[in-house]
Amino acid sequence: MRRSALVAQTRVEIALTLRRGESVLLTLGIPVVLLVFFSLADVLPLPERIGRGDAVDFLFPGVLALAVMSAAMVGPAIATGFEREYGVLKRLAVTPLGRPAVVVAKTLAIVAIEVVQVVVLTGVALLLGWRPPDGSSIVVAAGAVLLGTVAFAGLGLLLGGTLPGLTTLAAANGLYVLLLLVGGMVFPLESLPDALQAVARALPPASLADLLHGALGPGADVPPRAWAVLAAWALAAPLLAARLFRWR
């Protein structure tokens, strides 16, 4: 009974995510548009190791990091904020499903959405000319995505579990735009001032982007510093969210 209830709740979470137009736009629409536009338009200050006609080689790993951030942080934060404000979470918490199963269902829904993102973005990247470079590592990429998902989900639950619904909406979208600009996911970190680069590299988007560039991009190493930063966020963000989260 408990397992069937968990499966049913997971299906509900996925269905609700796909029914929300803003969630579909954030998780699939914007990443696909950014990948296609900047791959075809010669406007980005690309790293020296990337040729002018190979923008997709730089963009695909970064946009994949952006998609993970969208699915694990922005969408769940907004949904959780409004569900908490409207009393939905409070009611779910006292059902036989229980609080842990609610969290597990939301987590499984995030993973399901990320699988769709990976399939769609990989297909688009292949159509644009991206090919896995020699030495690419799917295992490293998968590990980075897993750590990034935990870190971003913790940040999303921290926002949605502590702020009112409308405040969460504004904060999550504002944070999304800010991290999009300085996270090294679309615009190379090398194009930022040195001081801003140092700050950006201490945040999870840049670390995830660095790891995915190293695993899936040409001529880039997998930096140990990025593993350490992302692992620290993956540990700290969920712990802080669990401590401060309010169900009502």
Protein backbone atom coordinates (compact mmCIF):
# COMPACT_ATOMS: atom_id res chain seq x y z
CA MET A 1 0.00 0.00 0.00
CA ARG A 2 2.80 2.42 0.95
CA ARG A 3 4.74 1.69 -2.26
CA SER A 4 1.65 2.13 -4.44
CA ALA A 5 0.89 5.41 -2.68
CA LEU A 6 4.45 6.59 -3.33
CA VAL A 7 4.18 5.67 -7.02
CA ALA A 8 0.84 7.44 -7.27
CA GLN A 9 2.18 10.59 -5.60
CA THR A 10 5.23 10.57 -7.88
CA ARG A 11 2.95 10.41 -10.91
CA VAL A 12 0.95 13.31 -9.53
CA GLU A 13 4.11 15.37 -9.01
CA ILE A 14 5.26 14.70 -12.58
CA ALA A 15 1.82 15.48 -14.02
CA LEU A 16 1.56 18.72 -12.06
CA THR A 17 5.02 19.78 -13.23
CA LEU A 18 4.16 19.12 -16.87
CA ARG A 19 0.84 20.97 -16.54
CA ARG A 20 2.51 24.14 -15.28
CA GLY A 21 3.45 26.17 -18.30
CA GLU A 22 6.17 28.08 -16.47
CA SER A 23 7.79 24.81 -15.35
CA VAL A 24 7.88 23.43 -18.89
CA LEU A 25 9.30 26.74 -20.12
CA LEU A 26 12.05 26.73 -17.48
CA THR A 27 12.97 23.06 -17.69
CA LEU A 28 12.78 22.52 -21.45
CA GLY A 29 11.83 25.63 -23.41
CA ILE A 30 14.52 28.06 -22.30
CA PRO A 31 17.41 25.53 -22.32
CA VAL A 32 16.53 24.35 -25.84
CA VAL A 33 16.16 27.93 -27.14
CA LEU A 34 19.49 28.99 -25.60
CA LEU A 35 21.26 25.93 -27.00
CA VAL A 36 19.91 26.46 -30.52
CA PHE A 37 20.25 30.25 -30.65
CA PHE A 38 23.79 30.59 -29.30
CA SER A 39 24.98 27.57 -31.28
CA LEU A 40 23.83 29.19 -34.54
CA ALA A 41 24.46 32.88 -33.73
CA ASP A 42 28.14 33.80 -33.59
CA VAL A 43 27.86 36.16 -30.61
CA LEU A 44 29.43 34.38 -27.61
CA PRO A 45 33.01 35.06 -26.42
CA LEU A 46 33.99 31.38 -26.57
CA PRO A 47 37.07 29.90 -24.82
CA GLU A 48 40.16 29.62 -27.02
CA ARG A 49 39.92 25.81 -27.15
CA ILE A 50 36.53 26.10 -28.92
CA GLY A 51 36.45 27.00 -32.61
CA ARG A 52 34.02 29.63 -33.82
CA GLY A 53 31.97 27.03 -35.67
CA ASP A 54 31.83 24.67 -32.69
CA ALA A 55 29.85 26.75 -30.20
CA VAL A 56 27.59 23.79 -29.47
CA ASP A 57 30.59 21.92 -28.01
CA PHE A 58 30.81 24.57 -25.29
CA LEU A 59 27.09 25.22 -24.94
CA PHE A 60 25.76 21.68 -24.57
CA PRO A 61 27.44 20.88 -21.22
CA GLY A 62 26.61 24.33 -19.86
CA VAL A 63 22.98 24.26 -20.94
CA LEU A 64 22.70 20.78 -19.43
CA ALA A 65 23.84 22.30 -16.12
CA LEU A 66 21.25 25.05 -16.56
CA ALA A 67 18.53 22.46 -17.15
CA VAL A 68 19.49 20.61 -13.96
CA MET A 69 19.28 23.87 -12.02
CA SER A 70 15.86 24.60 -13.51
CA ALA A 71 14.45 21.16 -12.75
CA ALA A 72 15.92 20.71 -9.27
CA MET A 73 15.79 24.24 -7.85
CA VAL A 74 13.52 26.74 -9.59
CA GLY A 75 10.45 24.63 -10.39
CA PRO A 76 10.30 22.75 -7.04
CA ALA A 77 10.96 25.95 -5.06
CA ILE A 78 8.01 27.76 -6.65
CA ALA A 79 5.68 24.76 -6.43
CA THR A 80 6.64 24.04 -2.81
CA GLY A 81 6.20 27.68 -1.79
CA PHE A 82 2.64 27.85 -3.09
CA GLU A 83 1.73 24.35 -1.87
CA ARG A 84 2.90 25.29 1.60
CA GLU A 85 1.05 28.61 1.53
CA TYR A 86 -2.21 27.00 0.37
CA GLY A 87 -2.00 24.24 2.98
CA VAL A 88 -1.41 21.39 0.51
CA LEU A 89 1.81 20.22 2.15
CA LYS A 90 0.25 20.32 5.61
CA ARG A 91 -2.54 18.01 4.45
CA LEU A 92 -0.17 15.65 2.63
CA ALA A 93 2.05 15.41 5.69
CA VAL A 94 -0.74 13.96 7.87
CA THR A 95 -1.96 11.41 5.32
CA PRO A 96 -0.78 7.76 5.45
CA LEU A 97 1.77 8.77 2.79
CA GLY A 98 3.76 10.69 5.45
CA ARG A 99 6.34 13.45 5.18
CA PRO A 100 9.33 11.32 4.08
CA ALA A 101 7.35 9.79 1.22
CA VAL A 102 6.26 13.25 0.06
CA VAL A 103 9.91 14.31 -0.16
CA VAL A 104 10.84 11.07 -1.95
CA ALA A 105 8.00 11.53 -4.46
CA LYS A 106 9.13 15.07 -5.25
CA THR A 107 12.71 13.85 -5.63
CA LEU A 108 11.69 11.05 -8.01
CA ALA A 109 9.68 13.54 -10.04
CA ILE A 110 12.77 15.76 -10.37
CA VAL A 111 14.83 12.80 -11.56
CA ALA A 112 12.16 11.85 -14.12
CA ILE A 113 12.09 15.41 -15.49
CA GLU A 114 15.90 15.46 -15.69
CA VAL A 115 15.90 12.24 -17.70
CA VAL A 116 13.57 13.90 -20.22
CA GLN A 117 15.83 16.97 -20.28
CA VAL A 118 18.94 14.91 -20.97
CA VAL A 119 17.26 13.01 -23.81
CA VAL A 120 15.84 16.16 -25.44
CA LEU A 121 18.97 18.31 -25.07
CA THR A 122 21.27 15.53 -26.25
CA GLY A 123 19.09 15.01 -29.31
CA VAL A 124 19.10 18.73 -30.11
CA ALA A 125 22.87 18.96 -29.57
CA LEU A 126 23.48 16.01 -31.90
CA LEU A 127 21.35 17.69 -34.58
CA LEU A 128 23.44 20.86 -34.14
CA GLY A 129 26.67 18.92 -34.68
CA TRP A 130 27.82 18.01 -31.19
CA ARG A 131 29.68 14.73 -30.88
CA PRO A 132 31.11 13.20 -27.70
CA PRO A 133 34.82 14.07 -27.76
CA ASP A 134 37.59 11.54 -27.20
CA GLY A 135 38.01 11.00 -23.48
CA SER A 136 34.48 12.06 -22.58
CA SER A 137 33.07 10.36 -19.50
CA ILE A 138 29.39 9.62 -19.04
CA VAL A 139 30.14 8.36 -15.52
CA VAL A 140 31.74 11.67 -14.50
CA ALA A 141 28.85 13.60 -16.06
CA ALA A 142 26.27 11.44 -14.27
CA GLY A 143 28.05 11.89 -10.94
CA ALA A 144 28.18 15.64 -11.43
CA VAL A 145 24.48 15.78 -12.31
CA LEU A 146 23.63 13.73 -9.22
CA LEU A 147 25.60 16.04 -6.91
CA GLY A 148 24.17 19.09 -8.65
CA THR A 149 20.63 17.78 -8.29
CA VAL A 150 21.08 17.29 -4.53
CA ALA A 151 22.60 20.76 -4.11
CA PHE A 152 19.96 22.57 -6.18
CA ALA A 153 17.08 20.61 -4.67
CA GLY A 154 18.32 21.61 -1.22
CA LEU A 155 18.38 25.26 -2.27
CA GLY A 156 14.91 24.94 -3.83
CA LEU A 157 13.44 23.40 -0.68
CA LEU A 158 15.16 26.06 1.40
CA LEU A 159 13.45 28.80 -0.62
CA GLY A 160 10.07 27.10 -0.92
CA GLY A 161 10.06 25.90 2.68
CA THR A 162 10.77 29.24 4.32
CA LEU A 163 9.35 32.01 2.11
CA PRO A 164 5.75 32.90 1.14
CA GLY A 165 4.61 31.74 -2.30
CA LEU A 166 4.91 35.04 -4.17
CA THR A 167 8.24 35.83 -2.51
CA THR A 168 9.53 32.39 -3.51
CA LEU A 169 8.38 33.00 -7.09
CA ALA A 170 10.30 36.28 -7.29
CA ALA A 171 13.38 34.97 -5.47
CA ALA A 172 13.64 31.76 -7.51
CA ASN A 173 13.24 33.51 -10.86
CA GLY A 174 15.64 36.29 -9.88
CA LEU A 175 18.22 33.76 -8.73
CA TYR A 176 17.74 31.82 -11.97
CA VAL A 177 18.50 34.87 -14.11
CA LEU A 178 21.48 35.88 -11.96
CA LEU A 179 23.04 32.41 -12.02
CA LEU A 180 22.35 32.09 -15.74
CA LEU A 181 24.47 35.21 -16.32
CA VAL A 182 27.37 34.45 -13.97
CA GLY A 183 27.27 30.65 -13.64
CA GLY A 184 29.45 29.81 -16.64
CA MET A 185 26.60 27.81 -18.18
CA VAL A 186 26.01 29.95 -21.28
CA PHE A 187 28.51 32.80 -20.95
CA PRO A 188 32.11 31.64 -20.27
CA LEU A 189 33.44 32.49 -16.83
CA GLU A 190 36.61 33.76 -18.50
CA SER A 191 34.59 36.70 -19.84
CA LEU A 192 33.78 37.92 -16.30
CA PRO A 193 35.98 40.19 -14.15
CA ASP A 194 38.43 38.29 -11.95
CA ALA A 195 36.64 39.13 -8.69
CA LEU A 196 33.29 38.00 -10.07
CA GLN A 197 34.89 34.83 -11.42
CA ALA A 198 36.13 33.96 -7.93
CA VAL A 199 32.65 34.42 -6.46
CA ALA A 200 31.00 32.46 -9.28
CA ARG A 201 33.36 29.50 -8.89
CA ALA A 202 32.30 29.18 -5.26
CA LEU A 203 28.67 28.63 -6.32
CA PRO A 204 27.10 25.35 -7.49
CA PRO A 205 26.13 26.39 -11.07
CA ALA A 206 29.72 27.19 -12.08
CA SER A 207 31.04 24.05 -10.41
CA LEU A 208 28.48 21.84 -12.16
CA ALA A 209 29.16 23.57 -15.48
CA ASP A 210 32.93 23.09 -15.03
CA LEU A 211 32.47 19.38 -14.31
CA LEU A 212 30.18 18.84 -17.30
CA HIS A 213 32.52 20.79 -19.57
CA GLY A 214 35.35 18.57 -18.39
CA ALA A 215 33.32 15.39 -18.88
CA LEU A 216 31.56 16.24 -22.16
CA GLY A 217 33.41 19.16 -23.73
CA PRO A 218 36.57 19.17 -25.85
CA GLY A 219 39.96 19.98 -24.36
CA ALA A 220 38.78 20.67 -20.82
CA ASP A 221 39.95 19.03 -17.62
CA VAL A 222 37.70 17.96 -14.75
CA PRO A 223 38.80 20.34 -11.97
CA PRO A 224 39.06 18.80 -8.45
CA ARG A 225 38.05 22.17 -6.98
CA ALA A 226 34.67 21.93 -8.69
CA TRP A 227 34.02 18.52 -7.12
CA ALA A 228 34.82 19.93 -3.67
CA VAL A 229 32.60 22.99 -4.10
CA LEU A 230 29.65 21.04 -5.49
CA ALA A 231 29.94 18.34 -2.81
CA ALA A 232 29.99 21.02 -0.09
CA TRP A 233 26.79 22.57 -1.46
CA ALA A 234 25.20 19.12 -1.84
CA LEU A 235 25.84 18.52 1.85
CA ALA A 236 25.08 21.97 3.27
CA ALA A 237 21.97 22.97 1.28
CA PRO A 238 19.79 19.92 2.15
CA LEU A 239 20.87 20.06 5.82
CA LEU A 240 19.96 23.75 6.03
CA ALA A 241 16.68 23.13 4.22
CA ALA A 242 15.79 20.26 6.59
CA ARG A 243 16.53 22.47 9.60
CA LEU A 244 14.54 25.50 8.45
CA PHE A 245 11.76 23.89 6.35
CA ARG A 246 8.23 24.65 7.55
CA TRP A 247 5.31 22.51 6.38
CA ARG A 248 2.75 25.26 6.96
